[in-house]
Amino acid sequence: MLVIKQEAVKNPAQTDPWIAEEWEVSPHEVTDVQRGAEQTSFGLGAQCLETIFKVLDVLASDVKEQLEKKVDQMVEEKLNRLLDEDLRRAKIAAAKAEARQSESRDAEL
């Protein structure tokens, strides 16, 4: 009997009149039951979607945070490389200047 009732609620357009008689309800009431089930289903679907969007929002925040950290790390690495290269160039320039001064002193002597 439960299977017949469930089928009637799922598909009232195909509900035989004898099912409505056996339940002692009108076909309109069967349709009302279906509408209620659809509204409940829609409400649950909306809640599921809302939860999904909340989860996606949290995930997006996490991804954004991770990307910001990665970008910061990449910028820091690039700056360190540039600073290291500038330091290396400065050392080379200082060594060349010292070598020129040495040569100048040696030439004067």
Protein backbone atom coordinates (compact mmCIF):
# COMPACT_ATOMS: atom_id res chain seq x y z
CA MET A 1 0.00 0.00 0.00
CA LEU A 2 2.89 2.36 0.80
CA VAL A 3 4.36 1.85 -2.66
CA ILE A 4 1.04 2.76 -4.26
CA LYS A 5 0.78 5.89 -2.09
CA GLN A 6 4.31 6.95 -2.94
CA GLU A 7 3.64 6.44 -6.64
CA ALA A 8 0.46 8.46 -6.38
CA VAL A 9 2.31 11.30 -4.72
CA LYS A 10 5.07 11.18 -7.29
CA ASN A 11 2.77 11.16 -10.25
CA PRO A 12 -0.78 12.33 -9.49
CA ALA A 13 -1.59 12.84 -13.16
CA GLN A 14 -1.41 9.08 -13.55
CA THR A 15 -3.13 8.34 -10.25
CA ASP A 16 -6.06 6.06 -10.74
CA PRO A 17 -9.31 7.22 -9.15
CA TRP A 18 -9.56 3.96 -7.16
CA ILE A 19 -6.37 4.91 -5.25
CA ALA A 20 -7.96 8.18 -4.20
CA GLU A 21 -11.12 6.27 -3.24
CA GLU A 22 -9.19 3.73 -1.23
CA TRP A 23 -7.45 6.52 0.65
CA GLU A 24 -10.73 8.33 0.93
CA VAL A 25 -9.20 11.51 -0.52
CA SER A 26 -9.91 13.43 -3.68
CA PRO A 27 -7.44 13.56 -6.58
CA HIS A 28 -6.99 17.26 -5.74
CA GLU A 29 -5.72 16.33 -2.29
CA VAL A 30 -3.26 13.93 -3.89
CA THR A 31 -2.08 16.84 -6.05
CA ASP A 32 -1.81 19.02 -2.95
CA VAL A 33 0.35 16.37 -1.32
CA GLN A 34 2.57 16.34 -4.39
CA ARG A 35 2.84 20.13 -4.38
CA GLY A 36 3.84 20.01 -0.72
CA ALA A 37 6.46 17.39 -1.51
CA GLU A 38 7.77 19.53 -4.38
CA GLN A 39 7.93 22.61 -2.15
CA THR A 40 9.76 20.65 0.51
CA SER A 41 12.10 19.29 -2.12
CA PHE A 42 12.64 22.79 -3.51
CA GLY A 43 13.28 24.12 -0.01
CA LEU A 44 15.81 21.37 0.68
CA GLY A 45 17.39 22.01 -2.70
CA ALA A 46 17.68 25.70 -1.90
CA GLN A 47 19.27 24.88 1.46
CA CYS A 48 21.71 22.53 -0.26
CA LEU A 49 22.60 25.22 -2.78
CA GLU A 50 23.05 27.76 0.00
CA THR A 51 25.38 25.36 1.83
CA ILE A 52 27.29 24.65 -1.38
CA PHE A 53 27.74 28.38 -1.99
CA LYS A 54 28.97 28.88 1.57
CA VAL A 55 31.49 26.05 1.15
CA LEU A 56 32.60 27.49 -2.20
CA ASP A 57 33.01 30.90 -0.59
CA VAL A 58 35.21 29.43 2.14
CA LEU A 59 37.22 27.51 -0.45
CA ALA A 60 37.60 30.64 -2.58
CA SER A 61 38.84 32.55 0.47
CA ASP A 62 41.37 29.79 1.20
CA VAL A 63 42.53 29.73 -2.41
CA LYS A 64 42.83 33.52 -2.45
CA GLU A 65 44.85 33.43 0.76
CA GLN A 66 47.14 30.72 -0.62
CA LEU A 67 47.61 32.65 -3.87
CA GLU A 68 48.45 35.83 -1.97
CA LYS A 69 51.03 33.92 0.09
CA LYS A 70 52.51 32.36 -3.04
CA VAL A 71 52.69 35.76 -4.81
CA ASP A 72 54.31 37.33 -1.74
CA GLN A 73 56.82 34.49 -1.63
CA MET A 74 57.61 34.83 -5.35
CA VAL A 75 58.03 38.62 -5.04
CA GLU A 76 60.31 38.18 -2.04
CA GLU A 77 62.42 35.60 -3.89
CA LYS A 78 62.70 37.89 -6.92
CA LEU A 79 63.68 40.86 -4.75
CA ASN A 80 66.28 38.73 -2.96
CA ARG A 81 67.75 37.63 -6.29
CA LEU A 82 67.87 41.24 -7.48
CA LEU A 83 69.48 42.37 -4.22
CA ASP A 84 71.98 39.51 -4.40
CA GLU A 85 72.82 40.44 -7.98
CA ASP A 86 73.15 44.13 -7.07
CA LEU A 87 75.40 43.19 -4.14
CA ARG A 88 77.50 41.00 -6.42
CA ARG A 89 77.82 43.84 -8.95
CA ALA A 90 78.73 46.29 -6.18
CA LYS A 91 81.44 43.89 -4.95
CA ILE A 92 82.79 43.52 -8.48
CA ALA A 93 82.78 47.31 -8.96
CA ALA A 94 84.53 47.78 -5.61
CA ALA A 95 87.14 45.16 -6.53
CA LYS A 96 87.75 46.86 -9.91
CA ALA A 97 88.05 50.26 -8.23
CA GLU A 98 90.50 48.82 -5.71
CA ALA A 99 92.48 47.20 -8.52
CA ARG A 100 92.65 50.55 -10.38
CA GLN A 101 93.81 52.32 -7.23
CA SER A 102 96.42 49.63 -6.73
CA GLU A 103 97.63 50.02 -10.29
CA SER A 104 97.73 53.82 -9.86
CA ARG A 105 99.82 53.50 -6.70
CA ASP A 106 102.10 50.97 -8.34
CA ALA A 107 102.52 53.26 -11.37
CA GLU A 108 103.38 56.21 -9.16
CA LEU A 109 106.05 54.27 -7.38
